[in-house]
Amino acid sequence: MDWFTDRHFFLLAVAVYGLSALYSVFLWRKGFRRDDRVNYLLLAAAFALHTVALVKRGFSFKACPVNNLYEATTFLLWALAGAYLIIGLLPRLKFLGTIAAPLLFSAGVFALMPSLDPPPGPLPEFSGALRSLHAATILLAYGGFGLGAVAAGMLLIQRHDLKMHKIRAVMSLLPSMQRLESVTTILVLSGFILFTVGLMAGRHLPRPVGADYFSDPKVVWSVILWLAYVEIQVAHKYFGRSTRNFAIGVILCFVFLILTFWITNRYSSLHHS
């Protein structure tokens, strides 16, 4: 099966993500409270194909596959899917898959654009298990932040409906506000812990001669992002920031992450091949 490349496996994964996204549309009509195993299994199957694609890619370059925008995007999606599959083991949290599936499918289609995967050039000078730990924990953190933003968005919808006294809020398909707030807090905290571990591992990676770690755009960006997540968590837990503002902060932080990740990655001498 040498002719079946990593991109073929990723294409199959995106197709299954698409099936899950289509099925999620029907689950929206049934209600988010359903513990639906079919959608979970579809996402698990897509994740398995996605994993094979990453493994084949990694072995072909003998390095963790995060060397261009295609690889960074596919790794980020893999982290998001993996984070959901772990969280979704809890029946009460399987509803997050109905939001994760359309996001995974849409971003997967974007990642398949040929311009994101140019012919490989010189590989970065990072190597070894420490680099893999750095990449895996950082991207898993992004996955946790993404799912946290999804839960925060659902929390804002539920809060708005209750405030406006809409019938939809009384007979809501969404989980309760308390449950959504707890889920958001747990996801953001989990992502933050992983992000911290990833940054600590990255600090000890070997660097090209003359490269200054703290002047690298991606490192500066990561520190700013880390401080932003510290602020929204501390302000909510210890200084009484409202649930609404906490949810908005979680969403804005993830929007900032998505909109600026590619730019900082492109201009980073430590991350761009």
Protein backbone atom coordinates (compact mmCIF):
# COMPACT_ATOMS: atom_id res chain seq x y z
CA MET A 1 0.00 0.00 0.00
CA ASP A 2 2.95 2.35 -0.63
CA TRP A 3 0.88 4.09 -3.29
CA PHE A 4 -1.63 5.06 -0.58
CA THR A 5 0.09 8.14 0.79
CA ASP A 6 -0.49 10.09 3.98
CA ARG A 7 -2.59 12.61 2.00
CA HIS A 8 -4.87 9.79 0.82
CA PHE A 9 -5.45 8.72 4.42
CA PHE A 10 -6.10 12.32 5.43
CA LEU A 11 -8.56 12.71 2.57
CA LEU A 12 -10.44 9.64 3.85
CA ALA A 13 -10.39 11.12 7.36
CA VAL A 14 -11.87 14.38 6.08
CA ALA A 15 -14.59 12.40 4.27
CA VAL A 16 -15.56 10.64 7.51
CA TYR A 17 -15.45 13.97 9.37
CA GLY A 18 -17.90 15.12 6.69
CA LEU A 19 -20.23 12.20 7.41
CA SER A 20 -20.07 13.06 11.10
CA ALA A 21 -20.80 16.72 10.32
CA LEU A 22 -23.82 15.71 8.22
CA TYR A 23 -25.09 13.42 10.97
CA SER A 24 -24.57 16.22 13.50
CA VAL A 25 -27.12 18.32 11.60
CA PHE A 26 -29.76 15.70 12.40
CA LEU A 27 -28.64 15.56 16.03
CA TRP A 28 -29.28 19.29 16.31
CA ARG A 29 -32.94 18.55 15.66
CA LYS A 30 -33.03 15.76 18.23
CA GLY A 31 -31.34 17.70 21.00
CA PHE A 32 -27.87 18.10 22.45
CA ARG A 33 -28.77 16.13 25.54
CA ARG A 34 -28.71 12.85 23.64
CA ASP A 35 -25.81 10.54 24.39
CA ASP A 36 -25.29 9.63 20.73
CA ARG A 37 -22.72 6.89 20.19
CA VAL A 38 -22.99 6.81 16.38
CA ASN A 39 -21.50 10.27 15.99
CA TYR A 40 -18.80 9.45 18.53
CA LEU A 41 -17.85 6.30 16.57
CA LEU A 42 -17.76 8.25 13.29
CA LEU A 43 -15.36 10.75 14.82
CA ALA A 44 -13.29 7.90 16.29
CA ALA A 45 -13.02 6.27 12.83
CA ALA A 46 -11.98 9.59 11.27
CA PHE A 47 -9.45 10.10 14.05
CA ALA A 48 -7.96 6.64 13.38
CA LEU A 49 -7.50 7.44 9.68
CA HIS A 50 -6.12 10.84 10.61
CA THR A 51 -3.61 9.19 12.97
CA VAL A 52 -2.41 6.85 10.23
CA ALA A 53 -1.90 9.86 7.96
CA LEU A 54 0.21 11.64 10.58
CA VAL A 55 2.25 8.52 11.36
CA LYS A 56 3.01 7.88 7.69
CA ARG A 57 3.94 11.54 7.25
CA GLY A 58 6.19 11.47 10.31
CA PHE A 59 8.01 8.31 9.24
CA SER A 60 8.52 9.65 5.72
CA PHE A 61 10.39 12.70 7.08
CA LYS A 62 11.68 11.04 10.26
CA ALA A 63 10.35 14.01 12.24
CA CYS A 64 7.24 15.22 13.99
CA PRO A 65 5.00 16.41 11.11
CA VAL A 66 4.64 20.12 11.89
CA ASN A 67 6.98 21.65 9.32
CA ASN A 68 4.57 23.63 7.10
CA LEU A 69 1.02 24.99 7.20
CA TYR A 70 -0.53 21.76 5.93
CA GLU A 71 1.18 19.70 8.61
CA ALA A 72 0.50 22.24 11.36
CA THR A 73 -3.17 22.40 10.36
CA THR A 74 -3.64 18.63 10.21
CA PHE A 75 -1.85 18.20 13.54
CA LEU A 76 -4.04 20.88 15.09
CA LEU A 77 -7.19 19.15 13.81
CA TRP A 78 -5.90 15.81 15.09
CA ALA A 79 -5.35 17.36 18.51
CA LEU A 80 -8.87 18.81 18.51
CA ALA A 81 -10.39 15.45 17.53
CA GLY A 82 -8.31 13.61 20.12
CA ALA A 83 -9.29 16.05 22.85
CA TYR A 84 -12.96 15.52 22.01
CA LEU A 85 -12.67 11.72 21.99
CA ILE A 86 -11.16 11.79 25.48
CA ILE A 87 -13.73 14.24 26.82
CA GLY A 88 -16.55 12.46 25.00
CA LEU A 89 -15.93 9.31 27.04
CA LEU A 90 -18.15 11.05 29.57
CA PRO A 91 -21.73 10.56 28.32
CA ARG A 92 -22.76 14.03 29.51
CA LEU A 93 -20.12 15.64 27.26
CA LYS A 94 -20.70 13.73 24.02
CA PHE A 95 -22.86 16.60 22.78
CA LEU A 96 -19.68 18.58 21.99
CA GLY A 97 -19.12 16.30 19.00
CA THR A 98 -22.06 17.90 17.18
CA ILE A 99 -20.08 21.16 17.13
CA ALA A 100 -16.60 19.68 16.73
CA ALA A 101 -17.51 17.63 13.63
CA PRO A 102 -18.46 20.56 11.34
CA LEU A 103 -15.36 22.47 12.49
CA LEU A 104 -13.09 19.49 11.79
CA PHE A 105 -14.63 18.93 8.37
CA SER A 106 -14.42 22.59 7.31
CA ALA A 107 -10.83 23.00 8.47
CA GLY A 108 -9.91 19.63 6.92
CA VAL A 109 -11.16 20.77 3.51
CA PHE A 110 -9.10 23.95 3.92
CA ALA A 111 -5.99 21.93 4.81
CA LEU A 112 -6.26 19.96 1.57
CA MET A 113 -5.42 23.06 -0.48
CA PRO A 114 -2.22 22.19 -2.42
CA SER A 115 -0.61 25.55 -1.67
CA LEU A 116 -0.38 24.65 2.03
CA ASP A 117 1.88 21.67 1.35
CA PRO A 118 4.81 22.75 -0.86
CA PRO A 119 7.71 20.38 -1.61
CA PRO A 120 9.75 19.85 1.55
CA GLY A 121 12.83 21.97 2.14
CA PRO A 122 15.47 21.63 4.85
CA LEU A 123 13.90 20.29 8.01
CA PRO A 124 14.10 22.30 11.25
CA GLU A 125 16.99 21.46 13.51
CA PHE A 126 14.71 20.21 16.29
CA SER A 127 14.66 16.47 16.89
CA GLY A 128 13.99 13.82 19.45
CA ALA A 129 11.32 13.02 21.98
CA LEU A 130 11.40 16.48 23.55
CA ARG A 131 10.35 18.09 20.27
CA SER A 132 7.52 15.59 19.89
CA LEU A 133 6.38 16.32 23.45
CA HIS A 134 6.46 20.05 22.71
CA ALA A 135 4.44 19.74 19.50
CA ALA A 136 1.91 17.26 20.90
CA THR A 137 1.14 19.15 24.11
CA ILE A 138 0.91 22.54 22.39
CA LEU A 139 -1.47 21.27 19.72
CA LEU A 140 -3.55 19.30 22.22
CA ALA A 141 -3.81 22.54 24.19
CA TYR A 142 -5.14 24.27 21.09
CA GLY A 143 -7.71 21.50 20.82
CA GLY A 144 -8.79 22.06 24.42
CA PHE A 145 -9.03 25.81 23.86
CA GLY A 146 -11.10 25.22 20.73
CA LEU A 147 -13.60 22.96 22.46
CA GLY A 148 -13.71 25.41 25.36
CA ALA A 149 -14.64 28.19 22.92
CA VAL A 150 -17.39 25.97 21.47
CA ALA A 151 -18.83 25.34 24.93
CA ALA A 152 -18.53 29.07 25.73
CA GLY A 153 -20.49 29.92 22.59
CA MET A 154 -23.25 27.51 23.56
CA LEU A 155 -23.25 29.06 27.04
CA LEU A 156 -23.79 32.54 25.57
CA ILE A 157 -26.65 31.27 23.40
CA GLN A 158 -28.34 29.65 26.39
CA ARG A 159 -27.85 32.76 28.52
CA HIS A 160 -29.29 35.03 25.82
CA ASP A 161 -32.35 32.84 25.37
CA LEU A 162 -33.02 32.79 29.11
CA LYS A 163 -32.58 36.54 29.37
CA MET A 164 -35.01 37.13 26.49
CA HIS A 165 -37.51 34.66 28.02
CA LYS A 166 -37.66 32.68 24.82
CA ILE A 167 -39.66 29.46 24.73
CA ARG A 168 -36.59 27.79 23.28
CA ALA A 169 -34.82 28.39 26.59
CA VAL A 170 -37.57 26.68 28.57
CA MET A 171 -37.57 23.61 26.33
CA SER A 172 -33.91 23.97 25.45
CA LEU A 173 -31.97 21.41 23.45
CA LEU A 174 -28.79 22.83 24.92
CA PRO A 175 -27.30 21.66 28.22
CA SER A 176 -27.89 23.81 31.29
CA MET A 177 -25.87 26.98 31.86
CA GLN A 178 -24.23 25.51 34.95
CA ARG A 179 -23.12 22.45 33.02
CA LEU A 180 -21.82 24.52 30.11
CA GLU A 181 -19.90 26.81 32.46
CA SER A 182 -18.29 23.82 34.19
CA VAL A 183 -17.37 22.23 30.86
CA THR A 184 -15.87 25.49 29.58
CA THR A 185 -13.83 25.95 32.76
CA ILE A 186 -12.49 22.38 32.67
CA LEU A 187 -11.60 22.52 28.97
CA VAL A 188 -9.80 25.86 29.26
CA LEU A 189 -7.90 24.74 32.36
CA SER A 190 -6.89 21.45 30.69
CA GLY A 191 -5.71 23.32 27.60
CA PHE A 192 -3.81 25.78 29.76
CA ILE A 193 -1.95 23.02 31.62
CA LEU A 194 -0.98 21.33 28.36
CA PHE A 195 0.06 24.67 26.88
CA THR A 196 2.29 25.36 29.89
CA VAL A 197 3.95 21.94 29.61
CA GLY A 198 4.50 22.51 25.89
CA LEU A 199 6.11 25.91 26.44
CA MET A 200 8.42 24.49 29.10
CA ALA A 201 9.48 21.69 26.74
CA GLY A 202 10.03 24.16 23.89
CA ARG A 203 12.32 26.29 26.06
CA HIS A 204 14.80 23.41 26.26
CA LEU A 205 14.80 22.45 22.57
CA PRO A 206 18.06 22.87 20.62
CA ARG A 207 18.03 25.96 18.39
CA PRO A 208 19.92 27.05 15.28
CA VAL A 209 23.16 28.88 16.05
CA GLY A 210 22.49 32.54 16.80
CA ALA A 211 18.72 32.14 17.21
CA ASP A 212 17.38 34.08 20.21
CA TYR A 213 14.51 32.18 21.81
CA PHE A 214 12.68 35.13 23.37
CA SER A 215 12.85 37.33 20.26
CA ASP A 216 11.20 34.72 18.04
CA PRO A 217 7.70 35.90 16.94
CA LYS A 218 6.09 32.56 17.80
CA VAL A 219 7.56 32.55 21.30
CA VAL A 220 6.43 36.13 21.95
CA TRP A 221 2.97 35.25 20.63
CA SER A 222 2.81 32.14 22.84
CA VAL A 223 3.70 34.13 25.96
CA ILE A 224 1.00 36.70 25.16
CA LEU A 225 -1.53 33.89 24.65
CA TRP A 226 -0.48 32.20 27.90
CA LEU A 227 -0.92 35.46 29.82
CA ALA A 228 -4.34 36.03 28.23
CA TYR A 229 -5.57 32.63 29.42
CA VAL A 230 -4.13 33.29 32.89
CA GLU A 231 -6.07 36.54 33.05
CA ILE A 232 -9.46 35.17 32.00
CA GLN A 233 -9.22 32.23 34.43
CA VAL A 234 -7.97 34.20 37.43
CA ALA A 235 -10.45 37.04 36.88
CA HIS A 236 -13.36 34.59 36.70
CA LYS A 237 -12.37 32.41 39.62
CA TYR A 238 -10.95 34.93 42.09
CA PHE A 239 -12.22 38.38 41.10
CA GLY A 240 -15.85 37.65 40.31
CA ARG A 241 -15.83 38.24 36.56
CA SER A 242 -19.28 37.41 35.23
CA THR A 243 -20.00 34.17 33.41
CA ARG A 244 -20.89 36.16 30.28
CA ASN A 245 -17.58 38.03 30.22
CA PHE A 246 -15.68 34.83 30.98
CA ALA A 247 -17.31 33.09 28.00
CA ILE A 248 -16.61 36.07 25.73
CA GLY A 249 -12.98 36.06 26.86
CA VAL A 250 -12.59 32.36 26.07
CA ILE A 251 -14.03 32.87 22.59
CA LEU A 252 -11.94 35.97 21.86
CA CYS A 253 -8.74 34.23 22.96
CA PHE A 254 -9.40 31.32 20.63
CA VAL A 255 -10.32 33.64 17.75
CA PHE A 256 -7.01 35.45 18.34
CA LEU A 257 -5.23 32.08 18.33
CA ILE A 258 -6.79 30.99 15.03
CA LEU A 259 -6.29 34.32 13.23
CA THR A 260 -2.66 34.83 14.25
CA PHE A 261 -1.30 31.26 14.51
CA TRP A 262 -0.45 31.00 10.81
CA ILE A 263 1.23 34.43 10.67
CA THR A 264 3.52 33.83 13.64
CA ASN A 265 4.29 30.32 12.43
CA ARG A 266 5.27 31.67 9.02
CA TYR A 267 7.72 34.24 10.37
CA SER A 268 9.18 32.11 13.14
CA SER A 269 12.75 31.02 12.45
CA LEU A 270 12.35 28.28 15.07
CA HIS A 271 9.19 26.77 13.57
CA HIS A 272 9.20 27.53 9.87
CA SER A 273 11.16 25.19 7.64
